[in-house]
PDB file of N, CA and C in Angstrom:
ATOM      1  N   MET A   1     -33.573 -15.689   9.292  1.00  0.00           N
ATOM      2  CA  MET A   1     -33.085 -16.491  10.382  1.00  0.00           C
ATOM      3  C   MET A   1     -33.626 -15.883  11.683  1.00  0.00           C
ATOM      4  N   ARG A   2     -34.255 -16.678  12.495  1.00  0.00           N
ATOM      5  CA  ARG A   2     -34.805 -16.206  13.765  1.00  0.00           C
ATOM      6  C   ARG A   2     -33.713 -16.159  14.830  1.00  0.00           C
ATOM      7  N   ILE A   3     -34.030 -15.535  15.940  1.00  0.00           N
ATOM      8  CA  ILE A   3     -33.037 -15.298  16.980  1.00  0.00           C
ATOM      9  C   ILE A   3     -32.460 -16.600  17.542  1.00  0.00           C
ATOM     10  N   GLY A   4     -33.288 -17.620  17.676  1.00  0.00           N
ATOM     11  CA  GLY A   4     -32.797 -18.904  18.181  1.00  0.00           C
ATOM     12  C   GLY A   4     -31.794 -19.543  17.237  1.00  0.00           C
ATOM     13  N   GLU A   5     -32.056 -19.428  15.945  1.00  0.00           N
ATOM     14  CA  GLU A   5     -31.136 -19.979  14.952  1.00  0.00           C
ATOM     15  C   GLU A   5     -29.806 -19.236  14.979  1.00  0.00           C
ATOM     16  N   LEU A   6     -29.878 -17.913  15.073  1.00  0.00           N
ATOM     17  CA  LEU A   6     -28.647 -17.118  15.138  1.00  0.00           C
ATOM     18  C   LEU A   6     -27.885 -17.427  16.420  1.00  0.00           C
ATOM     19  N   ALA A   7     -28.595 -17.595  17.510  1.00  0.00           N
ATOM     20  CA  ALA A   7     -27.950 -17.916  18.781  1.00  0.00           C
ATOM     21  C   ALA A   7     -27.205 -19.246  18.680  1.00  0.00           C
ATOM     22  N   ARG A   8     -27.842 -20.251  18.098  1.00  0.00           N
ATOM     23  CA  ARG A   8     -27.188 -21.557  17.940  1.00  0.00           C
ATOM     24  C   ARG A   8     -26.002 -21.465  16.984  1.00  0.00           C
ATOM     25  N   ALA A   9     -26.174 -20.784  15.872  1.00  0.00           N
ATOM     26  CA  ALA A   9     -25.116 -20.706  14.854  1.00  0.00           C
ATOM     27  C   ALA A   9     -23.896 -19.942  15.346  1.00  0.00           C
ATOM     28  N   SER A  10     -24.099 -18.978  16.242  1.00  0.00           N
ATOM     29  CA  SER A  10     -22.979 -18.157  16.712  1.00  0.00           C
ATOM     30  C   SER A  10     -22.558 -18.488  18.142  1.00  0.00           C
ATOM     31  N   ALA A  11     -23.237 -19.451  18.758  1.00  0.00           N
ATOM     32  CA  ALA A  11     -22.916 -19.912  20.112  1.00  0.00           C
ATOM     33  C   ALA A  11     -22.970 -18.787  21.146  1.00  0.00           C
ATOM     34  N   VAL A  12     -24.003 -17.947  21.050  1.00  0.00           N
ATOM     35  CA  VAL A  12     -24.263 -16.936  22.069  1.00  0.00           C
ATOM     36  C   VAL A  12     -25.724 -17.058  22.481  1.00  0.00           C
ATOM     37  N   SER A  13     -26.052 -16.472  23.594  1.00  0.00           N
ATOM     38  CA  SER A  13     -27.429 -16.563  24.072  1.00  0.00           C
ATOM     39  C   SER A  13     -28.327 -15.567  23.337  1.00  0.00           C
ATOM     40  N   ARG A  14     -29.600 -15.802  23.423  1.00  0.00           N
ATOM     41  CA  ARG A  14     -30.570 -14.878  22.844  1.00  0.00           C
ATOM     42  C   ARG A  14     -30.484 -13.524  23.532  1.00  0.00           C
ATOM     43  N   ASP A  15     -30.245 -13.541  24.842  1.00  0.00           N
ATOM     44  CA  ASP A  15     -30.100 -12.281  25.580  1.00  0.00           C
ATOM     45  C   ASP A  15     -28.907 -11.479  25.065  1.00  0.00           C
ATOM     46  N   THR A  16     -27.826 -12.179  24.747  1.00  0.00           N
ATOM     47  CA  THR A  16     -26.642 -11.496  24.203  1.00  0.00           C
ATOM     48  C   THR A  16     -26.985 -10.853  22.868  1.00  0.00           C
ATOM     49  N   LEU A  17     -27.697 -11.567  22.030  1.00  0.00           N
ATOM     50  CA  LEU A  17     -28.088 -11.012  20.735  1.00  0.00           C
ATOM     51  C   LEU A  17     -28.991  -9.800  20.904  1.00  0.00           C
ATOM     52  N   ARG A  18     -29.915  -9.882  21.834  1.00  0.00           N
ATOM     53  CA  ARG A  18     -30.782  -8.724  22.098  1.00  0.00           C
ATOM     54  C   ARG A  18     -29.951  -7.533  22.591  1.00  0.00           C
ATOM     55  N   PHE A  19     -28.979  -7.821  23.441  1.00  0.00           N
ATOM     56  CA  PHE A  19     -28.095  -6.766  23.944  1.00  0.00           C
ATOM     57  C   PHE A  19     -27.291  -6.146  22.795  1.00  0.00           C
ATOM     58  N   TYR A  20     -26.716  -6.978  21.930  1.00  0.00           N
ATOM     59  CA  TYR A  20     -25.975  -6.463  20.772  1.00  0.00           C
ATOM     60  C   TYR A  20     -26.879  -5.594  19.902  1.00  0.00           C
ATOM     61  N   GLU A  21     -28.110  -6.041  19.723  1.00  0.00           N
ATOM     62  CA  GLU A  21     -29.047  -5.269  18.902  1.00  0.00           C
ATOM     63  C   GLU A  21     -29.376  -3.936  19.580  1.00  0.00           C
ATOM     64  N   GLN A  22     -29.579  -3.976  20.879  1.00  0.00           N
ATOM     65  CA  GLN A  22     -29.861  -2.746  21.633  1.00  0.00           C
ATOM     66  C   GLN A  22     -28.705  -1.756  21.527  1.00  0.00           C
ATOM     67  N   ARG A  23     -27.482  -2.270  21.499  1.00  0.00           N
ATOM     68  CA  ARG A  23     -26.290  -1.421  21.388  1.00  0.00           C
ATOM     69  C   ARG A  23     -26.017  -0.983  19.950  1.00  0.00           C
ATOM     70  N   GLY A  24     -26.781  -1.503  18.997  1.00  0.00           N
ATOM     71  CA  GLY A  24     -26.621  -1.127  17.603  1.00  0.00           C
ATOM     72  C   GLY A  24     -25.531  -1.889  16.878  1.00  0.00           C
ATOM     73  N   LEU A  25     -25.075  -2.989  17.455  1.00  0.00           N
ATOM     74  CA  LEU A  25     -24.013  -3.773  16.832  1.00  0.00           C
ATOM     75  C   LEU A  25     -24.542  -4.691  15.733  1.00  0.00           C
ATOM     76  N   ILE A  26     -25.744  -5.184  15.916  1.00  0.00           N
ATOM     77  CA  ILE A  26     -26.387  -6.006  14.897  1.00  0.00           C
ATOM     78  C   ILE A  26     -27.804  -5.465  14.693  1.00  0.00           C
ATOM     79  N   ALA A  27     -28.399  -5.872  13.602  1.00  0.00           N
ATOM     80  CA  ALA A  27     -29.756  -5.396  13.311  1.00  0.00           C
ATOM     81  C   ALA A  27     -30.607  -6.550  12.795  1.00  0.00           C
ATOM     82  N   ALA A  28     -31.880  -6.447  13.082  1.00  0.00           N
ATOM     83  CA  ALA A  28     -32.846  -7.440  12.603  1.00  0.00           C
ATOM     84  C   ALA A  28     -34.036  -6.716  12.015  1.00  0.00           C
ATOM     85  N   GLN A  29     -34.657  -7.366  11.082  1.00  0.00           N
ATOM     86  CA  GLN A  29     -35.936  -6.894  10.578  1.00  0.00           C
ATOM     87  C   GLN A  29     -37.002  -7.535  11.452  1.00  0.00           C
ATOM     88  N   ARG A  30     -38.155  -6.915  11.535  1.00  0.00           N
ATOM     89  CA  ARG A  30     -39.252  -7.497  12.298  1.00  0.00           C
ATOM     90  C   ARG A  30     -40.288  -8.044  11.329  1.00  0.00           C
ATOM     91  N   SER A  31     -40.692  -9.263  11.581  1.00  0.00           N
ATOM     92  CA  SER A  31     -41.743  -9.854  10.750  1.00  0.00           C
ATOM     93  C   SER A  31     -43.093  -9.330  11.237  1.00  0.00           C
ATOM     94  N   ALA A  32     -44.127  -9.661  10.526  1.00  0.00           N
ATOM     95  CA  ALA A  32     -45.468  -9.173  10.863  1.00  0.00           C
ATOM     96  C   ALA A  32     -45.890  -9.585  12.266  1.00  0.00           C
ATOM     97  N   ASN A  33     -45.428 -10.734  12.716  1.00  0.00           N
ATOM     98  CA  ASN A  33     -45.793 -11.205  14.057  1.00  0.00           C
ATOM     99  C   ASN A  33     -44.843 -10.691  15.142  1.00  0.00           C
ATOM    100  N   GLY A  34     -43.886  -9.830  14.762  1.00  0.00           N
ATOM    101  CA  GLY A  34     -42.982  -9.223  15.731  1.00  0.00           C
ATOM    102  C   GLY A  34     -41.693  -9.978  15.970  1.00  0.00           C
ATOM    103  N   TYR A  35     -41.529 -11.139  15.338  1.00  0.00           N
ATOM    104  CA  TYR A  35     -40.297 -11.906  15.512  1.00  0.00           C
ATOM    105  C   TYR A  35     -39.137 -11.201  14.826  1.00  0.00           C
ATOM    106  N   ARG A  36     -37.971 -11.331  15.425  1.00  0.00           N
ATOM    107  CA  ARG A  36     -36.761 -10.806  14.795  1.00  0.00           C
ATOM    108  C   ARG A  36     -36.364 -11.730  13.653  1.00  0.00           C
ATOM    109  N   ASP A  37     -35.953 -11.120  12.550  1.00  0.00           N
ATOM    110  CA  ASP A  37     -35.505 -11.888  11.397  1.00  0.00           C
ATOM    111  C   ASP A  37     -34.138 -11.345  10.996  1.00  0.00           C
ATOM    112  N   TYR A  38     -33.104 -12.180  11.132  1.00  0.00           N
ATOM    113  CA  TYR A  38     -31.728 -11.767  10.860  1.00  0.00           C
ATOM    114  C   TYR A  38     -31.269 -12.300   9.501  1.00  0.00           C
ATOM    115  N   LEU A  39     -30.454 -11.509   8.837  1.00  0.00           N
ATOM    116  CA  LEU A  39     -29.821 -11.960   7.603  1.00  0.00           C
ATOM    117  C   LEU A  39     -28.767 -13.007   7.945  1.00  0.00           C
ATOM    118  N   PRO A  40     -28.485 -13.917   7.040  1.00  0.00           N
ATOM    119  CA  PRO A  40     -27.472 -14.947   7.304  1.00  0.00           C
ATOM    120  C   PRO A  40     -26.088 -14.362   7.634  1.00  0.00           C
ATOM    121  N   GLU A  41     -25.784 -13.157   7.120  1.00  0.00           N
ATOM    122  CA  GLU A  41     -24.488 -12.532   7.372  1.00  0.00           C
ATOM    123  C   GLU A  41     -24.289 -12.170   8.846  1.00  0.00           C
ATOM    124  N   MET A  42     -25.364 -12.151   9.610  1.00  0.00           N
ATOM    125  CA  MET A  42     -25.267 -11.797  11.028  1.00  0.00           C
ATOM    126  C   MET A  42     -24.444 -12.813  11.804  1.00  0.00           C
ATOM    127  N   VAL A  43     -24.414 -14.054  11.349  1.00  0.00           N
ATOM    128  CA  VAL A  43     -23.585 -15.065  12.026  1.00  0.00           C
ATOM    129  C   VAL A  43     -22.137 -14.605  12.002  1.00  0.00           C
ATOM    130  N   GLN A  44     -21.653 -14.215  10.841  1.00  0.00           N
ATOM    131  CA  GLN A  44     -20.266 -13.753  10.702  1.00  0.00           C
ATOM    132  C   GLN A  44     -20.031 -12.519  11.568  1.00  0.00           C
ATOM    133  N   LEU A  45     -20.979 -11.615  11.607  1.00  0.00           N
ATOM    134  CA  LEU A  45     -20.823 -10.397  12.395  1.00  0.00           C
ATOM    135  C   LEU A  45     -20.780 -10.703  13.892  1.00  0.00           C
ATOM    136  N   VAL A  46     -21.644 -11.586  14.370  1.00  0.00           N
ATOM    137  CA  VAL A  46     -21.629 -11.945  15.790  1.00  0.00           C
ATOM    138  C   VAL A  46     -20.319 -12.639  16.148  1.00  0.00           C
ATOM    139  N   LEU A  47     -19.835 -13.501  15.279  1.00  0.00           N
ATOM    140  CA  LEU A  47     -18.551 -14.160  15.532  1.00  0.00           C
ATOM    141  C   LEU A  47     -17.414 -13.136  15.573  1.00  0.00           C
ATOM    142  N   TYR A  48     -17.483 -12.121  14.713  1.00  0.00           N
ATOM    143  CA  TYR A  48     -16.491 -11.039  14.743  1.00  0.00           C
ATOM    144  C   TYR A  48     -16.557 -10.304  16.084  1.00  0.00           C
ATOM    145  N   ILE A  49     -17.756  -9.997  16.539  1.00  0.00           N
ATOM    146  CA  ILE A  49     -17.925  -9.276  17.804  1.00  0.00           C
ATOM    147  C   ILE A  49     -17.330 -10.082  18.948  1.00  0.00           C
ATOM    148  N   LYS A  50     -17.632 -11.371  18.994  1.00  0.00           N
ATOM    149  CA  LYS A  50     -17.100 -12.228  20.050  1.00  0.00           C
ATOM    150  C   LYS A  50     -15.573 -12.276  20.015  1.00  0.00           C
ATOM    151  N   THR A  51     -15.000 -12.416  18.842  1.00  0.00           N
ATOM    152  CA  THR A  51     -13.547 -12.474  18.711  1.00  0.00           C
ATOM    153  C   THR A  51     -12.910 -11.155  19.115  1.00  0.00           C
ATOM    154  N   ALA A  52     -13.488 -10.057  18.657  1.00  0.00           N
ATOM    155  CA  ALA A  52     -12.951  -8.739  19.000  1.00  0.00           C
ATOM    156  C   ALA A  52     -12.993  -8.514  20.510  1.00  0.00           C
ATOM    157  N   GLN A  53     -14.069  -8.922  21.152  1.00  0.00           N
ATOM    158  CA  GLN A  53     -14.149  -8.791  22.611  1.00  0.00           C
ATOM    159  C   GLN A  53     -13.050  -9.609  23.282  1.00  0.00           C
ATOM    160  N   ARG A  54     -12.846 -10.818  22.813  1.00  0.00           N
ATOM    161  CA  ARG A  54     -11.807 -11.683  23.376  1.00  0.00           C
ATOM    162  C   ARG A  54     -10.417 -11.068  23.210  1.00  0.00           C
ATOM    163  N   LEU A  55     -10.243 -10.266  22.159  1.00  0.00           N
ATOM    164  CA  LEU A  55      -8.956  -9.613  21.900  1.00  0.00           C
ATOM    165  C   LEU A  55      -8.822  -8.271  22.618  1.00  0.00           C
ATOM    166  N   GLY A  56      -9.795  -7.943  23.457  1.00  0.00           N
ATOM    167  CA  GLY A  56      -9.680  -6.754  24.284  1.00  0.00           C
ATOM    168  C   GLY A  56     -10.381  -5.517  23.765  1.00  0.00           C
ATOM    169  N   PHE A  57     -11.104  -5.627  22.674  1.00  0.00           N
ATOM    170  CA  PHE A  57     -11.850  -4.486  22.156  1.00  0.00           C
ATOM    171  C   PHE A  57     -13.119  -4.317  22.988  1.00  0.00           C
ATOM    172  N   THR A  58     -13.459  -3.086  23.301  1.00  0.00           N
ATOM    173  CA  THR A  58     -14.705  -2.807  24.004  1.00  0.00           C
ATOM    174  C   THR A  58     -15.848  -2.845  22.991  1.00  0.00           C
ATOM    175  N   LEU A  59     -17.062  -2.968  23.504  1.00  0.00           N
ATOM    176  CA  LEU A  59     -18.210  -2.939  22.599  1.00  0.00           C
ATOM    177  C   LEU A  59     -18.308  -1.592  21.897  1.00  0.00           C
ATOM    178  N   GLY A  60     -17.896  -0.528  22.560  1.00  0.00           N
ATOM    179  CA  GLY A  60     -17.871   0.787  21.921  1.00  0.00           C
ATOM    180  C   GLY A  60     -16.907   0.820  20.751  1.00  0.00           C
ATOM    181  N   GLU A  61     -15.716   0.268  20.951  1.00  0.00           N
ATOM    182  CA  GLU A  61     -14.734   0.210  19.855  1.00  0.00           C
ATOM    183  C   GLU A  61     -15.259  -0.647  18.709  1.00  0.00           C
ATOM    184  N   ILE A  62     -15.870  -1.750  19.064  1.00  0.00           N
ATOM    185  CA  ILE A  62     -16.419  -2.643  18.031  1.00  0.00           C
ATOM    186  C   ILE A  62     -17.515  -1.915  17.258  1.00  0.00           C
ATOM    187  N   GLY A  63     -18.392  -1.259  17.980  1.00  0.00           N
ATOM    188  CA  GLY A  63     -19.480  -0.524  17.333  1.00  0.00           C
ATOM    189  C   GLY A  63     -18.979   0.555  16.407  1.00  0.00           C
ATOM    190  N   ASN A  64     -17.874   1.209  16.795  1.00  0.00           N
ATOM    191  CA  ASN A  64     -17.302   2.263  15.957  1.00  0.00           C
ATOM    192  C   ASN A  64     -16.652   1.715  14.694  1.00  0.00           C
ATOM    193  N   SER A  65     -16.250   0.453  14.717  1.00  0.00           N
ATOM    194  CA  SER A  65     -15.532  -0.092  13.562  1.00  0.00           C
ATOM    195  C   SER A  65     -16.386  -0.967  12.653  1.00  0.00           C
ATOM    196  N   VAL A  66     -17.503  -1.453  13.140  1.00  0.00           N
ATOM    197  CA  VAL A  66     -18.288  -2.438  12.377  1.00  0.00           C
ATOM    198  C   VAL A  66     -18.704  -1.909  11.007  1.00  0.00           C
ATOM    199  N   ALA A  67     -19.283  -0.742  10.958  1.00  0.00           N
ATOM    200  CA  ALA A  67     -19.775  -0.222   9.672  1.00  0.00           C
ATOM    201  C   ALA A  67     -18.633  -0.043   8.676  1.00  0.00           C
ATOM    202  N   ALA A  68     -17.525   0.508   9.150  1.00  0.00           N
ATOM    203  CA  ALA A  68     -16.374   0.723   8.256  1.00  0.00           C
ATOM    204  C   ALA A  68     -15.829  -0.600   7.743  1.00  0.00           C
ATOM    205  N   LEU A  69     -15.738  -1.582   8.603  1.00  0.00           N
ATOM    206  CA  LEU A  69     -15.227  -2.893   8.182  1.00  0.00           C
ATOM    207  C   LEU A  69     -16.193  -3.575   7.227  1.00  0.00           C
ATOM    208  N   TRP A  70     -17.480  -3.458   7.514  1.00  0.00           N
ATOM    209  CA  TRP A  70     -18.496  -4.116   6.699  1.00  0.00           C
ATOM    210  C   TRP A  70     -18.491  -3.591   5.274  1.00  0.00           C
ATOM    211  N   HIS A  71     -18.143  -2.303   5.117  1.00  0.00           N
ATOM    212  CA  HIS A  71     -18.160  -1.687   3.792  1.00  0.00           C
ATOM    213  C   HIS A  71     -16.769  -1.439   3.221  1.00  0.00           C
ATOM    214  N   ALA A  72     -15.737  -1.919   3.873  1.00  0.00           N
ATOM    215  CA  ALA A  72     -14.360  -1.698   3.412  1.00  0.00           C
ATOM    216  C   ALA A  72     -14.111  -2.440   2.102  1.00  0.00           C
ATOM    217  N   ARG A  73     -13.320  -1.810   1.261  1.00  0.00           N
ATOM    218  CA  ARG A  73     -12.919  -2.478   0.005  1.00  0.00           C
ATOM    219  C   ARG A  73     -12.109  -3.731   0.294  1.00  0.00           C
ATOM    220  N   ASP A  74     -11.216  -3.589   1.270  1.00  0.00           N
ATOM    221  CA  ASP A  74     -10.339  -4.694   1.649  1.00  0.00           C
ATOM    222  C   ASP A  74     -10.498  -4.956   3.144  1.00  0.00           C
ATOM    223  N   PRO A  75     -11.532  -5.714   3.526  1.00  0.00           N
ATOM    224  CA  PRO A  75     -11.805  -5.938   4.949  1.00  0.00           C
ATOM    225  C   PRO A  75     -10.633  -6.560   5.704  1.00  0.00           C
ATOM    226  N   GLU A  76      -9.894  -7.415   5.033  1.00  0.00           N
ATOM    227  CA  GLU A  76      -8.760  -8.082   5.690  1.00  0.00           C
ATOM    228  C   GLU A  76      -7.723  -7.059   6.148  1.00  0.00           C
ATOM    229  N   ASN A  77      -7.387  -6.124   5.273  1.00  0.00           N
ATOM    230  CA  ASN A  77      -6.426  -5.087   5.652  1.00  0.00           C
ATOM    231  C   ASN A  77      -7.008  -4.131   6.690  1.00  0.00           C
ATOM    232  N   ALA A  78      -8.297  -3.861   6.604  1.00  0.00           N
ATOM    233  CA  ALA A  78      -8.940  -2.983   7.585  1.00  0.00           C
ATOM    234  C   ALA A  78      -8.894  -3.609   8.974  1.00  0.00           C
ATOM    235  N   VAL A  79      -9.151  -4.907   9.056  1.00  0.00           N
ATOM    236  CA  VAL A  79      -9.072  -5.603  10.339  1.00  0.00           C
ATOM    237  C   VAL A  79      -7.627  -5.625  10.835  1.00  0.00           C
ATOM    238  N   ALA A  80      -6.697  -5.886   9.936  1.00  0.00           N
ATOM    239  CA  ALA A  80      -5.287  -5.896  10.330  1.00  0.00           C
ATOM    240  C   ALA A  80      -4.870  -4.541  10.894  1.00  0.00           C
ATOM    241  N   GLN A  81      -5.361  -3.462  10.312  1.00  0.00           N
ATOM    242  CA  GLN A  81      -5.023  -2.127  10.820  1.00  0.00           C
ATOM    243  C   GLN A  81      -5.627  -1.915  12.207  1.00  0.00           C
ATOM    244  N   LEU A  82      -6.851  -2.363  12.401  1.00  0.00           N
ATOM    245  CA  LEU A  82      -7.465  -2.281  13.728  1.00  0.00           C
ATOM    246  C   LEU A  82      -6.628  -3.023  14.763  1.00  0.00           C
ATOM    247  N   LEU A  83      -6.151  -4.211  14.394  1.00  0.00           N
ATOM    248  CA  LEU A  83      -5.326  -4.994  15.309  1.00  0.00           C
ATOM    249  C   LEU A  83      -3.999  -4.301  15.592  1.00  0.00           C
ATOM    250  N   ARG A  84      -3.390  -3.707  14.570  1.00  0.00           N
ATOM    251  CA  ARG A  84      -2.139  -2.962  14.786  1.00  0.00           C
ATOM    252  C   ARG A  84      -2.361  -1.786  15.727  1.00  0.00           C
ATOM    253  N   ASP A  85      -3.453  -1.069  15.516  1.00  0.00           N
ATOM    254  CA  ASP A  85      -3.770   0.073  16.379  1.00  0.00           C
ATOM    255  C   ASP A  85      -3.999  -0.372  17.816  1.00  0.00           C
ATOM    256  N   LYS A  86      -4.728  -1.471  17.997  1.00  0.00           N
ATOM    257  CA  LYS A  86      -4.992  -1.982  19.349  1.00  0.00           C
ATOM    258  C   LYS A  86      -3.702  -2.447  20.000  1.00  0.00           C
ATOM    259  N   LEU A  87      -2.850  -3.110  19.243  1.00  0.00           N
ATOM    260  CA  LEU A  87      -1.565  -3.563  19.771  1.00  0.00           C
ATOM    261  C   LEU A  87      -0.731  -2.378  20.244  1.00  0.00           C
ATOM    262  N   GLN A  88      -0.731  -1.302  19.486  1.00  0.00           N
ATOM    263  CA  GLN A  88       0.012  -0.105  19.878  1.00  0.00           C
ATOM    264  C   GLN A  88      -0.544   0.458  21.191  1.00  0.00           C
ATOM    265  N   LEU A  89      -1.856   0.482  21.323  1.00  0.00           N
ATOM    266  CA  LEU A  89      -2.468   0.944  22.571  1.00  0.00           C
ATOM    267  C   LEU A  89      -2.074   0.058  23.749  1.00  0.00           C
ATOM    268  N   VAL A  90      -2.068  -1.242  23.529  1.00  0.00           N
ATOM    269  CA  VAL A  90      -1.694  -2.182  24.581  1.00  0.00           C
ATOM    270  C   VAL A  90      -0.235  -1.972  24.971  1.00  0.00           C
ATOM    271  N   GLU A  91       0.639  -1.821  23.981  1.00  0.00           N
ATOM    272  CA  GLU A  91       2.058  -1.621  24.276  1.00  0.00           C
ATOM    273  C   GLU A  91       2.290  -0.311  25.022  1.00  0.00           C
ATOM    274  N   THR A  92       1.574   0.735  24.635  1.00  0.00           N
ATOM    275  CA  THR A  92       1.678   2.017  25.341  1.00  0.00           C
ATOM    276  C   THR A  92       1.214   1.863  26.776  1.00  0.00           C
ATOM    277  N   ARG A  93       0.089   1.200  26.962  1.00  0.00           N
ATOM    278  CA  ARG A  93      -0.443   0.998  28.311  1.00  0.00           C
ATOM    279  C   ARG A  93       0.502   0.148  29.152  1.00  0.00           C
ATOM    280  N   MET A  94       1.117  -0.863  28.552  1.00  0.00           N
ATOM    281  CA  MET A  94       2.081  -1.694  29.276  1.00  0.00           C
ATOM    282  C   MET A  94       3.276  -0.863  29.731  1.00  0.00           C
ATOM    283  N   SER A  95       3.733   0.017  28.886  1.00  0.00           N
ATOM    284  CA  SER A  95       4.842   0.903  29.249  1.00  0.00           C
ATOM    285  C   SER A  95       4.445   1.821  30.399  1.00  0.00           C
ATOM    286  N   GLU A  96       3.240   2.377  30.321  1.00  0.00           N
ATOM    287  CA  GLU A  96       2.747   3.240  31.400  1.00  0.00           C
ATOM    288  C   GLU A  96       2.636   2.460  32.708  1.00  0.00           C
ATOM    289  N   LEU A  97       2.160   1.223  32.630  1.00  0.00           N
ATOM    290  CA  LEU A  97       2.039   0.398  33.830  1.00  0.00           C
ATOM    291  C   LEU A  97       3.409   0.030  34.389  1.00  0.00           C
ATOM    292  N   ASP A  98       4.377  -0.193  33.528  1.00  0.00           N
ATOM    293  CA  ASP A  98       5.735  -0.481  33.980  1.00  0.00           C
ATOM    294  C   ASP A  98       6.314   0.722  34.733  1.00  0.00           C
ATOM    295  N   THR A  99       6.095   1.912  34.204  1.00  0.00           N
ATOM    296  CA  THR A  99       6.546   3.136  34.877  1.00  0.00           C
ATOM    297  C   THR A  99       5.858   3.279  36.233  1.00  0.00           C
ATOM    298  N   LEU A 100       4.566   3.000  36.278  1.00  0.00           N
ATOM    299  CA  LEU A 100       3.820   3.063  37.529  1.00  0.00           C
ATOM    300  C   LEU A 100       4.352   2.042  38.528  1.00  0.00           C
ATOM    301  N   ARG A 101       4.626   0.835  38.063  1.00  0.00           N
ATOM    302  CA  ARG A 101       5.179  -0.209  38.931  1.00  0.00           C
ATOM    303  C   ARG A 101       6.495   0.241  39.539  1.00  0.00           C
ATOM    304  N   GLN A 102       7.360   0.818  38.717  1.00  0.00           N
ATOM    305  CA  GLN A 102       8.652   1.304  39.219  1.00  0.00           C
ATOM    306  C   GLN A 102       8.460   2.397  40.263  1.00  0.00           C
ATOM    307  N   GLU A 103       7.532   3.300  40.029  1.00  0.00           N
ATOM    308  CA  GLU A 103       7.241   4.373  40.978  1.00  0.00           C
ATOM    309  C   GLU A 103       6.736   3.803  42.302  1.00  0.00           C
ATOM    310  N   LEU A 104       5.847   2.833  42.227  1.00  0.00           N
ATOM    311  CA  LEU A 104       5.331   2.215  43.451  1.00  0.00           C
ATOM    312  C   LEU A 104       6.431   1.498  44.225  1.00  0.00           C
ATOM    313  N   GLN A 105       7.300   0.785  43.520  1.00  0.00           N
ATOM    314  CA  GLN A 105       8.410   0.097  44.180  1.00  0.00           C
ATOM    315  C   GLN A 105       9.339   1.091  44.858  1.00  0.00           C
ATOM    316  N   LEU A 106       9.609   2.199  44.191  1.00  0.00           N
ATOM    317  CA  LEU A 106      10.472   3.233  44.752  1.00  0.00           C
ATOM    318  C   LEU A 106       9.854   3.809  46.020  1.00  0.00           C
ATOM    319  N   ARG A 107       8.575   4.094  45.963  1.00  0.00           N
ATOM    320  CA  ARG A 107       7.892   4.686  47.125  1.00  0.00           C
ATOM    321  C   ARG A 107       7.792   3.716  48.298  1.00  0.00           C
ATOM    322  N   LEU A 108       7.712   2.443  48.027  1.00  0.00           N
ATOM    323  CA  LEU A 108       7.672   1.472  49.114  1.00  0.00           C
ATOM    324  C   LEU A 108       8.967   1.477  49.925  1.00  0.00           C
ATOM    325  N   GLY A 109      10.050   1.884  49.311  1.00  0.00           N
ATOM    326  CA  GLY A 109      11.333   1.950  50.000  1.00  0.00           C
ATOM    327  C   GLY A 109      11.531   3.230  50.795  1.00  0.00           C
ATOM    328  N   GLN A 110      10.585   4.158  50.750  1.00  0.00           N
ATOM    329  CA  GLN A 110      10.707   5.426  51.456  1.00  0.00           C
ATOM    330  C   GLN A 110      10.049   5.338  52.837  1.00  0.00           C
ATOM    331  N   ALA A 111      10.493   6.241  53.735  1.00  0.00           N
ATOM    332  CA  ALA A 111       9.921   6.292  55.075  1.00  0.00           C
ATOM    333  C   ALA A 111       8.439   6.701  55.000  1.00  0.00           C
ATOM    334  N   CYS A 112       8.127   7.646  54.154  1.00  0.00           N
ATOM    335  CA  CYS A 112       6.732   8.103  53.978  1.00  0.00           C
ATOM    336  C   CYS A 112       6.388   7.968  52.500  1.00  0.00           C
ATOM    337  N   PRO A 113       5.828   6.825  52.101  1.00  0.00           N
ATOM    338  CA  PRO A 113       5.604   6.558  50.674  1.00  0.00           C
ATOM    339  C   PRO A 113       4.717   7.550  49.946  1.00  0.00           C
ATOM    340  N   LEU A 114       3.850   8.272  50.664  1.00  0.00           N
ATOM    341  CA  LEU A 114       2.948   9.205  49.989  1.00  0.00           C
ATOM    342  C   LEU A 114       3.496  10.625  49.952  1.00  0.00           C
ATOM    343  N   ASN A 115       4.695  10.817  50.426  1.00  0.00           N
ATOM    344  CA  ASN A 115       5.333  12.138  50.356  1.00  0.00           C
ATOM    345  C   ASN A 115       5.505  12.523  48.896  1.00  0.00           C
ATOM    346  N   PRO A 116       5.012  13.723  48.486  1.00  0.00           N
ATOM    347  CA  PRO A 116       5.104  14.095  47.084  1.00  0.00           C
ATOM    348  C   PRO A 116       6.532  14.340  46.610  1.00  0.00           C
ATOM    349  N   GLU A 117       7.442  14.599  47.538  1.00  0.00           N
ATOM    350  CA  GLU A 117       8.845  14.820  47.146  1.00  0.00           C
ATOM    351  C   GLU A 117       9.528  13.462  47.046  1.00  0.00           C
ATOM    352  N   ARG A 118      10.319  13.320  46.025  1.00  0.00           N
ATOM    353  CA  ARG A 118      11.034  12.049  45.848  1.00  0.00           C
ATOM    354  C   ARG A 118      12.465  12.211  46.170  1.00  0.00           C
TER     355      ARG A 118
END
């Protein structure tokens, strides 16, 4: 499958595919004329990358998990664990942000909000 076909099948641009390849997220073989040749499974992988990004995963996180997921005995459970781990990170960050919000609100009520003493 050439890059244009993969781009159409996964609804991403050719530049995006080149970027993913540069980052090591997807791979292509090169034909004798230098064209990229992708396996049909790359469509599923690109769709996974797009979905993971939409769910808040960074490309670094995606890159770290792709190989393990691709070779997992039970990919469904492996993905579910990734989602549970990400959810825990989000919940922790939300709690930290809530604490920060409370601190900022408290300081706004002070005469000198940047005073280190509370």
